[in-house]
Amino acid sequence: MGAMTDGSLLAVCRVHQLLPDSGSVGVTAIDKRPVDGKVKVRRLGLRSDVQANREHHGGEDQALYAYSREDADVWALELGRAIPPGLFGENLRTAGVGTTTAVIGERWRIGPSVVVEVTSPRVPCSTFQRRMREQRWVRRFTEAGLIGTYLRVVRTGEIAAGDGIEVLSRPGHGVTVGDWFSNGDAGRGHRLLAAEQAGELTLASDMHISIAKALGRSR
């Protein structure tokens, strides 16, 4: 890792196999596991990775899901079990660069060429609960607020475990992924919209929907 990096990429994970699931789609691609060597990153995510439920997962605004070692370590203590990379369905396990604490719209360089942008929090679902086999998992994960972040791919390239992560830019609005997930109120919504109007970031479509709901509740 170079001297200018802020953190590192511990693992790159993509789907190992599609598993049967009792949800509406019938299968799930949540079984992500680390892969060796370089992996191509495209606009829609990692090469050879898939999402089974395209209605709620994937697309350019959710091309990658990142989760930090720091947050995973909290869960390891809480659950009394290891949280290996990929268990939460993440594509990237990071260290030294927060995912829940990332500011919406901040950009990272991963390795020599790939640039990604923080877009929105992960919203836990029943598939995730079945994966974890923990009672009340969706509620517990929601209440803890350690949710990680989705990323948009700004510049494609290749990444590998061990690559450095550099924070290239951070918008001044100050709203983190965790802030919005746990406290997405009208004030934060106005700050995000103002930042978008100022050209600091492009909000994901699901963020616009979420902000509209927050503004509606404030009336």
C-alpha atoms as a PDB file:
ATOM      1  CA  MET A   1       0.000   0.000   0.000  1.00  0.00           C
ATOM      2  CA  GLY A   2       1.325   3.398  -0.994  1.00  0.00           C
ATOM      3  CA  ALA A   3       1.945   6.234   1.421  1.00  0.00           C
ATOM      4  CA  MET A   4      -0.982   8.281   0.117  1.00  0.00           C
ATOM      5  CA  THR A   5      -3.639   5.629   0.717  1.00  0.00           C
ATOM      6  CA  ASP A   6      -6.264   5.955   3.441  1.00  0.00           C
ATOM      7  CA  GLY A   7      -7.043   2.265   3.762  1.00  0.00           C
ATOM      8  CA  SER A   8      -6.874  -1.049   1.996  1.00  0.00           C
ATOM      9  CA  LEU A   9      -8.985  -3.613   0.199  1.00  0.00           C
ATOM     10  CA  LEU A  10      -8.921  -6.835   2.224  1.00  0.00           C
ATOM     11  CA  ALA A  11     -10.999  -8.983  -0.106  1.00  0.00           C
ATOM     12  CA  VAL A  12     -12.868  -8.933  -3.408  1.00  0.00           C
ATOM     13  CA  CYS A  13     -15.945 -11.170  -3.298  1.00  0.00           C
ATOM     14  CA  ARG A  14     -18.338 -12.347  -5.968  1.00  0.00           C
ATOM     15  CA  VAL A  15     -21.072 -14.937  -6.166  1.00  0.00           C
ATOM     16  CA  HIS A  16     -19.906 -18.482  -5.426  1.00  0.00           C
ATOM     17  CA  GLN A  17     -23.156 -20.198  -6.326  1.00  0.00           C
ATOM     18  CA  LEU A  18     -26.831 -19.399  -6.572  1.00  0.00           C
ATOM     19  CA  LEU A  19     -28.690 -20.872  -3.601  1.00  0.00           C
ATOM     20  CA  PRO A  20     -32.344 -21.884  -3.314  1.00  0.00           C
ATOM     21  CA  ASP A  21     -34.322 -19.264  -1.407  1.00  0.00           C
ATOM     22  CA  SER A  22     -37.900 -19.068  -0.170  1.00  0.00           C
ATOM     23  CA  GLY A  23     -38.272 -15.504  -1.442  1.00  0.00           C
ATOM     24  CA  SER A  24     -40.223 -14.486  -4.537  1.00  0.00           C
ATOM     25  CA  VAL A  25     -37.325 -15.058  -6.966  1.00  0.00           C
ATOM     26  CA  GLY A  26     -36.625 -18.585  -5.726  1.00  0.00           C
ATOM     27  CA  VAL A  27     -32.839 -18.222  -5.677  1.00  0.00           C
ATOM     28  CA  THR A  28     -30.353 -15.831  -4.121  1.00  0.00           C
ATOM     29  CA  ALA A  29     -26.876 -14.626  -5.120  1.00  0.00           C
ATOM     30  CA  ILE A  30     -25.970 -13.522  -1.582  1.00  0.00           C
ATOM     31  CA  ASP A  31     -23.336 -16.284  -1.293  1.00  0.00           C
ATOM     32  CA  LYS A  32     -20.315 -14.098  -2.065  1.00  0.00           C
ATOM     33  CA  ARG A  33     -16.810 -15.397  -1.404  1.00  0.00           C
ATOM     34  CA  PRO A  34     -13.290 -13.976  -1.841  1.00  0.00           C
ATOM     35  CA  VAL A  35     -11.523 -14.573  -5.130  1.00  0.00           C
ATOM     36  CA  ASP A  36      -7.808 -14.558  -5.842  1.00  0.00           C
ATOM     37  CA  GLY A  37      -6.024 -12.285  -8.261  1.00  0.00           C
ATOM     38  CA  LYS A  38      -7.237  -9.313 -10.240  1.00  0.00           C
ATOM     39  CA  VAL A  39     -10.929  -8.847 -10.947  1.00  0.00           C
ATOM     40  CA  LYS A  40     -12.342  -6.583 -13.639  1.00  0.00           C
ATOM     41  CA  VAL A  41     -14.676  -3.849 -12.424  1.00  0.00           C
ATOM     42  CA  ARG A  42     -17.322  -2.706 -14.873  1.00  0.00           C
ATOM     43  CA  ARG A  43     -20.137  -0.157 -14.648  1.00  0.00           C
ATOM     44  CA  LEU A  44     -22.504  -2.812 -13.300  1.00  0.00           C
ATOM     45  CA  GLY A  45     -20.011  -4.327 -10.891  1.00  0.00           C
ATOM     46  CA  LEU A  46     -17.504  -7.136 -10.768  1.00  0.00           C
ATOM     47  CA  ARG A  47     -16.999  -9.378 -13.763  1.00  0.00           C
ATOM     48  CA  SER A  48     -18.807 -12.718 -13.268  1.00  0.00           C
ATOM     49  CA  ASP A  49     -20.847 -11.429 -10.355  1.00  0.00           C
ATOM     50  CA  VAL A  50     -24.645 -11.489 -10.510  1.00  0.00           C
ATOM     51  CA  GLN A  51     -27.740 -10.385  -8.607  1.00  0.00           C
ATOM     52  CA  ALA A  52     -30.706 -12.729  -8.510  1.00  0.00           C
ATOM     53  CA  ASN A  53     -33.288 -10.063  -7.653  1.00  0.00           C
ATOM     54  CA  ARG A  54     -32.662  -7.264 -10.133  1.00  0.00           C
ATOM     55  CA  GLU A  55     -35.700  -5.321  -8.912  1.00  0.00           C
ATOM     56  CA  HIS A  56     -34.056  -4.511  -5.585  1.00  0.00           C
ATOM     57  CA  HIS A  57     -30.351  -5.131  -6.204  1.00  0.00           C
ATOM     58  CA  GLY A  58     -27.765  -4.138  -8.764  1.00  0.00           C
ATOM     59  CA  GLY A  59     -27.770  -1.427 -11.392  1.00  0.00           C
ATOM     60  CA  GLU A  60     -25.206   1.342 -11.744  1.00  0.00           C
ATOM     61  CA  ASP A  61     -26.080   2.979  -8.423  1.00  0.00           C
ATOM     62  CA  GLN A  62     -25.612  -0.334  -6.596  1.00  0.00           C
ATOM     63  CA  ALA A  63     -22.802  -1.762  -8.676  1.00  0.00           C
ATOM     64  CA  LEU A  64     -20.758  -2.757  -5.627  1.00  0.00           C
ATOM     65  CA  TYR A  65     -21.512  -3.284  -1.955  1.00  0.00           C
ATOM     66  CA  ALA A  66     -18.708  -2.500   0.499  1.00  0.00           C
ATOM     67  CA  TYR A  67     -18.445  -3.443   4.158  1.00  0.00           C
ATOM     68  CA  SER A  68     -15.624  -2.542   6.519  1.00  0.00           C
ATOM     69  CA  ARG A  69     -13.597  -4.850   8.726  1.00  0.00           C
ATOM     70  CA  GLU A  70     -14.204  -2.437  11.576  1.00  0.00           C
ATOM     71  CA  ASP A  71     -17.985  -2.917  11.377  1.00  0.00           C
ATOM     72  CA  ALA A  72     -17.616  -6.669  10.814  1.00  0.00           C
ATOM     73  CA  ASP A  73     -15.503  -6.921  13.977  1.00  0.00           C
ATOM     74  CA  VAL A  74     -18.343  -5.360  15.978  1.00  0.00           C
ATOM     75  CA  TRP A  75     -20.690  -8.066  14.725  1.00  0.00           C
ATOM     76  CA  ALA A  76     -18.157 -10.817  15.391  1.00  0.00           C
ATOM     77  CA  LEU A  77     -18.140  -9.802  19.056  1.00  0.00           C
ATOM     78  CA  GLU A  78     -21.900  -9.380  19.175  1.00  0.00           C
ATOM     79  CA  LEU A  79     -22.688 -12.732  17.557  1.00  0.00           C
ATOM     80  CA  GLY A  80     -19.760 -14.724  18.884  1.00  0.00           C
ATOM     81  CA  ARG A  81     -18.853 -15.971  15.430  1.00  0.00           C
ATOM     82  CA  ALA A  82     -16.497 -15.065  12.615  1.00  0.00           C
ATOM     83  CA  ILE A  83     -17.752 -12.657   9.949  1.00  0.00           C
ATOM     84  CA  PRO A  84     -15.555 -13.600   6.982  1.00  0.00           C
ATOM     85  CA  PRO A  85     -15.477 -11.433   3.856  1.00  0.00           C
ATOM     86  CA  GLY A  86     -18.572 -12.010   1.738  1.00  0.00           C
ATOM     87  CA  LEU A  87     -20.798 -13.341   4.539  1.00  0.00           C
ATOM     88  CA  PHE A  88     -22.934 -10.191   4.434  1.00  0.00           C
ATOM     89  CA  GLY A  89     -23.155 -10.415   0.652  1.00  0.00           C
ATOM     90  CA  GLU A  90     -20.562  -7.698   0.182  1.00  0.00           C
ATOM     91  CA  ASN A  91     -18.295  -7.402  -2.845  1.00  0.00           C
ATOM     92  CA  LEU A  92     -15.579  -5.459  -1.041  1.00  0.00           C
ATOM     93  CA  ARG A  93     -14.241  -5.850   2.495  1.00  0.00           C
ATOM     94  CA  THR A  94     -12.296  -2.724   3.430  1.00  0.00           C
ATOM     95  CA  ALA A  95      -9.985  -1.689   6.251  1.00  0.00           C
ATOM     96  CA  GLY A  96      -9.174   1.844   7.352  1.00  0.00           C
ATOM     97  CA  VAL A  97     -11.842   3.420   5.165  1.00  0.00           C
ATOM     98  CA  GLY A  98     -15.291   3.527   6.712  1.00  0.00           C
ATOM     99  CA  THR A  99     -18.306   2.309   4.804  1.00  0.00           C
ATOM    100  CA  THR A 100     -21.115   3.206   7.196  1.00  0.00           C
ATOM    101  CA  THR A 101     -19.232   6.438   8.012  1.00  0.00           C
ATOM    102  CA  ALA A 102     -18.613   7.321   4.355  1.00  0.00           C
ATOM    103  CA  VAL A 103     -20.101  10.630   3.206  1.00  0.00           C
ATOM    104  CA  ILE A 104     -22.670  10.215   0.446  1.00  0.00           C
ATOM    105  CA  GLY A 105     -20.984  11.274  -2.795  1.00  0.00           C
ATOM    106  CA  GLU A 106     -17.391  10.803  -1.665  1.00  0.00           C
ATOM    107  CA  ARG A 107     -15.102   9.130  -4.157  1.00  0.00           C
ATOM    108  CA  TRP A 108     -12.416   6.502  -3.647  1.00  0.00           C
ATOM    109  CA  ARG A 109      -9.638   5.261  -5.861  1.00  0.00           C
ATOM    110  CA  ILE A 110      -9.096   1.532  -5.403  1.00  0.00           C
ATOM    111  CA  GLY A 111      -5.809   0.231  -6.734  1.00  0.00           C
ATOM    112  CA  PRO A 112      -4.198   2.071  -9.639  1.00  0.00           C
ATOM    113  CA  SER A 113      -7.261   2.857 -11.739  1.00  0.00           C
ATOM    114  CA  VAL A 114     -10.741   2.095 -10.373  1.00  0.00           C
ATOM    115  CA  VAL A 115     -12.760   5.035  -9.020  1.00  0.00           C
ATOM    116  CA  VAL A 116     -16.029   4.521  -7.149  1.00  0.00           C
ATOM    117  CA  GLU A 117     -18.582   6.846  -5.572  1.00  0.00           C
ATOM    118  CA  VAL A 118     -20.557   6.288  -2.363  1.00  0.00           C
ATOM    119  CA  THR A 119     -24.270   6.284  -3.230  1.00  0.00           C
ATOM    120  CA  SER A 120     -26.594   4.863  -0.562  1.00  0.00           C
ATOM    121  CA  PRO A 121     -26.946   2.559   2.453  1.00  0.00           C
ATOM    122  CA  ARG A 122     -27.740  -1.118   2.214  1.00  0.00           C
ATOM    123  CA  VAL A 123     -31.258  -1.911   3.406  1.00  0.00           C
ATOM    124  CA  PRO A 124     -31.410  -5.365   5.042  1.00  0.00           C
ATOM    125  CA  CYS A 125     -33.982  -7.821   3.717  1.00  0.00           C
ATOM    126  CA  SER A 126     -35.488 -11.193   4.581  1.00  0.00           C
ATOM    127  CA  THR A 127     -33.000 -12.961   2.288  1.00  0.00           C
ATOM    128  CA  PHE A 128     -30.194 -11.552   4.435  1.00  0.00           C
ATOM    129  CA  GLN A 129     -31.950 -12.847   7.550  1.00  0.00           C
ATOM    130  CA  ARG A 130     -32.237 -16.340   6.085  1.00  0.00           C
ATOM    131  CA  ARG A 131     -28.568 -16.192   5.148  1.00  0.00           C
ATOM    132  CA  MET A 132     -27.489 -15.292   8.687  1.00  0.00           C
ATOM    133  CA  ARG A 133     -29.868 -17.625  10.548  1.00  0.00           C
ATOM    134  CA  GLU A 134     -29.991 -15.211  13.439  1.00  0.00           C
ATOM    135  CA  GLN A 135     -33.256 -14.409  15.201  1.00  0.00           C
ATOM    136  CA  ARG A 136     -34.652 -10.926  14.481  1.00  0.00           C
ATOM    137  CA  TRP A 137     -31.641 -10.297  12.259  1.00  0.00           C
ATOM    138  CA  VAL A 138     -33.168  -7.596  10.037  1.00  0.00           C
ATOM    139  CA  ARG A 139     -34.281  -5.652  13.114  1.00  0.00           C
ATOM    140  CA  ARG A 140     -30.939  -6.078  14.885  1.00  0.00           C
ATOM    141  CA  PHE A 141     -28.961  -5.061  11.822  1.00  0.00           C
ATOM    142  CA  THR A 142     -31.225  -2.053  11.323  1.00  0.00           C
ATOM    143  CA  GLU A 143     -31.035  -0.928  14.934  1.00  0.00           C
ATOM    144  CA  ALA A 144     -27.228  -1.220  15.006  1.00  0.00           C
ATOM    145  CA  GLY A 145     -26.995   0.953  11.897  1.00  0.00           C
ATOM    146  CA  LEU A 146     -23.718  -0.625  10.724  1.00  0.00           C
ATOM    147  CA  ILE A 147     -25.032  -1.102   7.233  1.00  0.00           C
ATOM    148  CA  GLY A 148     -22.172  -0.519   4.780  1.00  0.00           C
ATOM    149  CA  THR A 149     -22.532   1.286   1.495  1.00  0.00           C
ATOM    150  CA  TYR A 150     -23.383   0.810  -2.132  1.00  0.00           C
ATOM    151  CA  LEU A 151     -20.958   2.213  -4.683  1.00  0.00           C
ATOM    152  CA  ARG A 152     -21.265   3.558  -8.219  1.00  0.00           C
ATOM    153  CA  VAL A 153     -18.367   2.803 -10.580  1.00  0.00           C
ATOM    154  CA  VAL A 154     -17.011   6.073 -11.960  1.00  0.00           C
ATOM    155  CA  ARG A 155     -13.950   4.602 -13.680  1.00  0.00           C
ATOM    156  CA  THR A 156     -13.584   0.942 -14.599  1.00  0.00           C
ATOM    157  CA  GLY A 157     -10.448  -1.152 -14.307  1.00  0.00           C
ATOM    158  CA  GLU A 158      -9.110  -3.989 -12.190  1.00  0.00           C
ATOM    159  CA  ILE A 159      -8.820  -4.494  -8.439  1.00  0.00           C
ATOM    160  CA  ALA A 160      -7.366  -7.160  -6.162  1.00  0.00           C
ATOM    161  CA  ALA A 161      -7.122  -7.895  -2.473  1.00  0.00           C
ATOM    162  CA  GLY A 162      -4.272  -5.845  -1.017  1.00  0.00           C
ATOM    163  CA  ASP A 163      -4.931  -2.771  -3.157  1.00  0.00           C
ATOM    164  CA  GLY A 164      -4.824   0.585  -1.438  1.00  0.00           C
ATOM    165  CA  ILE A 165      -7.915   2.771  -1.120  1.00  0.00           C
ATOM    166  CA  GLU A 166      -7.541   6.535  -1.371  1.00  0.00           C
ATOM    167  CA  VAL A 167     -10.346   8.993  -0.615  1.00  0.00           C
ATOM    168  CA  LEU A 168     -10.185  11.367  -3.583  1.00  0.00           C
ATOM    169  CA  SER A 169     -12.957  13.777  -2.633  1.00  0.00           C
ATOM    170  CA  ARG A 170     -15.620  14.300   0.008  1.00  0.00           C
ATOM    171  CA  PRO A 171     -18.653  16.590  -0.403  1.00  0.00           C
ATOM    172  CA  GLY A 172     -19.134  19.288   2.206  1.00  0.00           C
ATOM    173  CA  HIS A 173     -22.735  18.408   3.136  1.00  0.00           C
ATOM    174  CA  GLY A 174     -21.455  15.963   5.766  1.00  0.00           C
ATOM    175  CA  VAL A 175     -24.292  13.422   5.569  1.00  0.00           C
ATOM    176  CA  THR A 176     -22.885   9.919   5.937  1.00  0.00           C
ATOM    177  CA  VAL A 177     -24.464   6.689   4.770  1.00  0.00           C
ATOM    178  CA  GLY A 178     -25.101   5.770   8.401  1.00  0.00           C
ATOM    179  CA  ASP A 179     -26.594   9.204   9.148  1.00  0.00           C
ATOM    180  CA  TRP A 180     -29.106   8.835   6.368  1.00  0.00           C
ATOM    181  CA  PHE A 181     -30.012   5.231   7.177  1.00  0.00           C
ATOM    182  CA  SER A 182     -30.615   5.881  10.875  1.00  0.00           C
ATOM    183  CA  ASN A 183     -31.631   9.565  10.859  1.00  0.00           C
ATOM    184  CA  GLY A 184     -32.797  10.426   7.351  1.00  0.00           C
ATOM    185  CA  ASP A 185     -34.730  13.570   8.205  1.00  0.00           C
ATOM    186  CA  ALA A 186     -35.787  16.615   6.189  1.00  0.00           C
ATOM    187  CA  GLY A 187     -32.783  18.677   7.222  1.00  0.00           C
ATOM    188  CA  ARG A 188     -30.330  16.104   5.914  1.00  0.00           C
ATOM    189  CA  GLY A 189     -32.479  15.664   2.832  1.00  0.00           C
ATOM    190  CA  HIS A 190     -32.311  19.377   2.030  1.00  0.00           C
ATOM    191  CA  ARG A 191     -28.534  19.321   2.477  1.00  0.00           C
ATOM    192  CA  LEU A 192     -28.198  16.430   0.037  1.00  0.00           C
ATOM    193  CA  LEU A 193     -30.448  18.061  -2.550  1.00  0.00           C
ATOM    194  CA  ALA A 194     -28.550  21.342  -2.245  1.00  0.00           C
ATOM    195  CA  ALA A 195     -25.254  19.514  -2.739  1.00  0.00           C
ATOM    196  CA  GLU A 196     -26.610  17.856  -5.873  1.00  0.00           C
ATOM    197  CA  GLN A 197     -27.834  21.188  -7.230  1.00  0.00           C
ATOM    198  CA  ALA A 198     -24.364  22.609  -6.573  1.00  0.00           C
ATOM    199  CA  GLY A 199     -22.833  19.823  -8.660  1.00  0.00           C
ATOM    200  CA  GLU A 200     -21.080  18.102  -5.750  1.00  0.00           C
ATOM    201  CA  LEU A 201     -22.682  14.721  -6.442  1.00  0.00           C
ATOM    202  CA  THR A 202     -25.380  12.861  -8.345  1.00  0.00           C
ATOM    203  CA  LEU A 203     -27.859  11.242  -5.998  1.00  0.00           C
ATOM    204  CA  ALA A 204     -28.988   7.697  -6.676  1.00  0.00           C
ATOM    205  CA  SER A 205     -32.628   7.245  -7.679  1.00  0.00           C
ATOM    206  CA  ASP A 206     -33.434   5.395  -4.450  1.00  0.00           C
ATOM    207  CA  MET A 207     -31.962   8.301  -2.500  1.00  0.00           C
ATOM    208  CA  HIS A 208     -34.308  10.709  -4.274  1.00  0.00           C
ATOM    209  CA  ILE A 209     -37.239   8.492  -3.286  1.00  0.00           C
ATOM    210  CA  SER A 210     -36.025   8.282   0.298  1.00  0.00           C
ATOM    211  CA  ILE A 211     -35.468  12.041   0.512  1.00  0.00           C
ATOM    212  CA  ALA A 212     -38.929  12.730  -0.891  1.00  0.00           C
ATOM    213  CA  LYS A 213     -40.436  10.549   1.844  1.00  0.00           C
ATOM    214  CA  ALA A 214     -38.439  12.382   4.509  1.00  0.00           C
ATOM    215  CA  LEU A 215     -39.593  15.772   3.210  1.00  0.00           C
ATOM    216  CA  GLY A 216     -43.180  14.515   3.093  1.00  0.00           C
ATOM    217  CA  ARG A 217     -43.045  13.453   6.746  1.00  0.00           C
ATOM    218  CA  SER A 218     -41.896  16.919   7.761  1.00  0.00           C
ATOM    219  CA  ARG A 219     -44.960  18.680   6.346  1.00  0.00           C
END
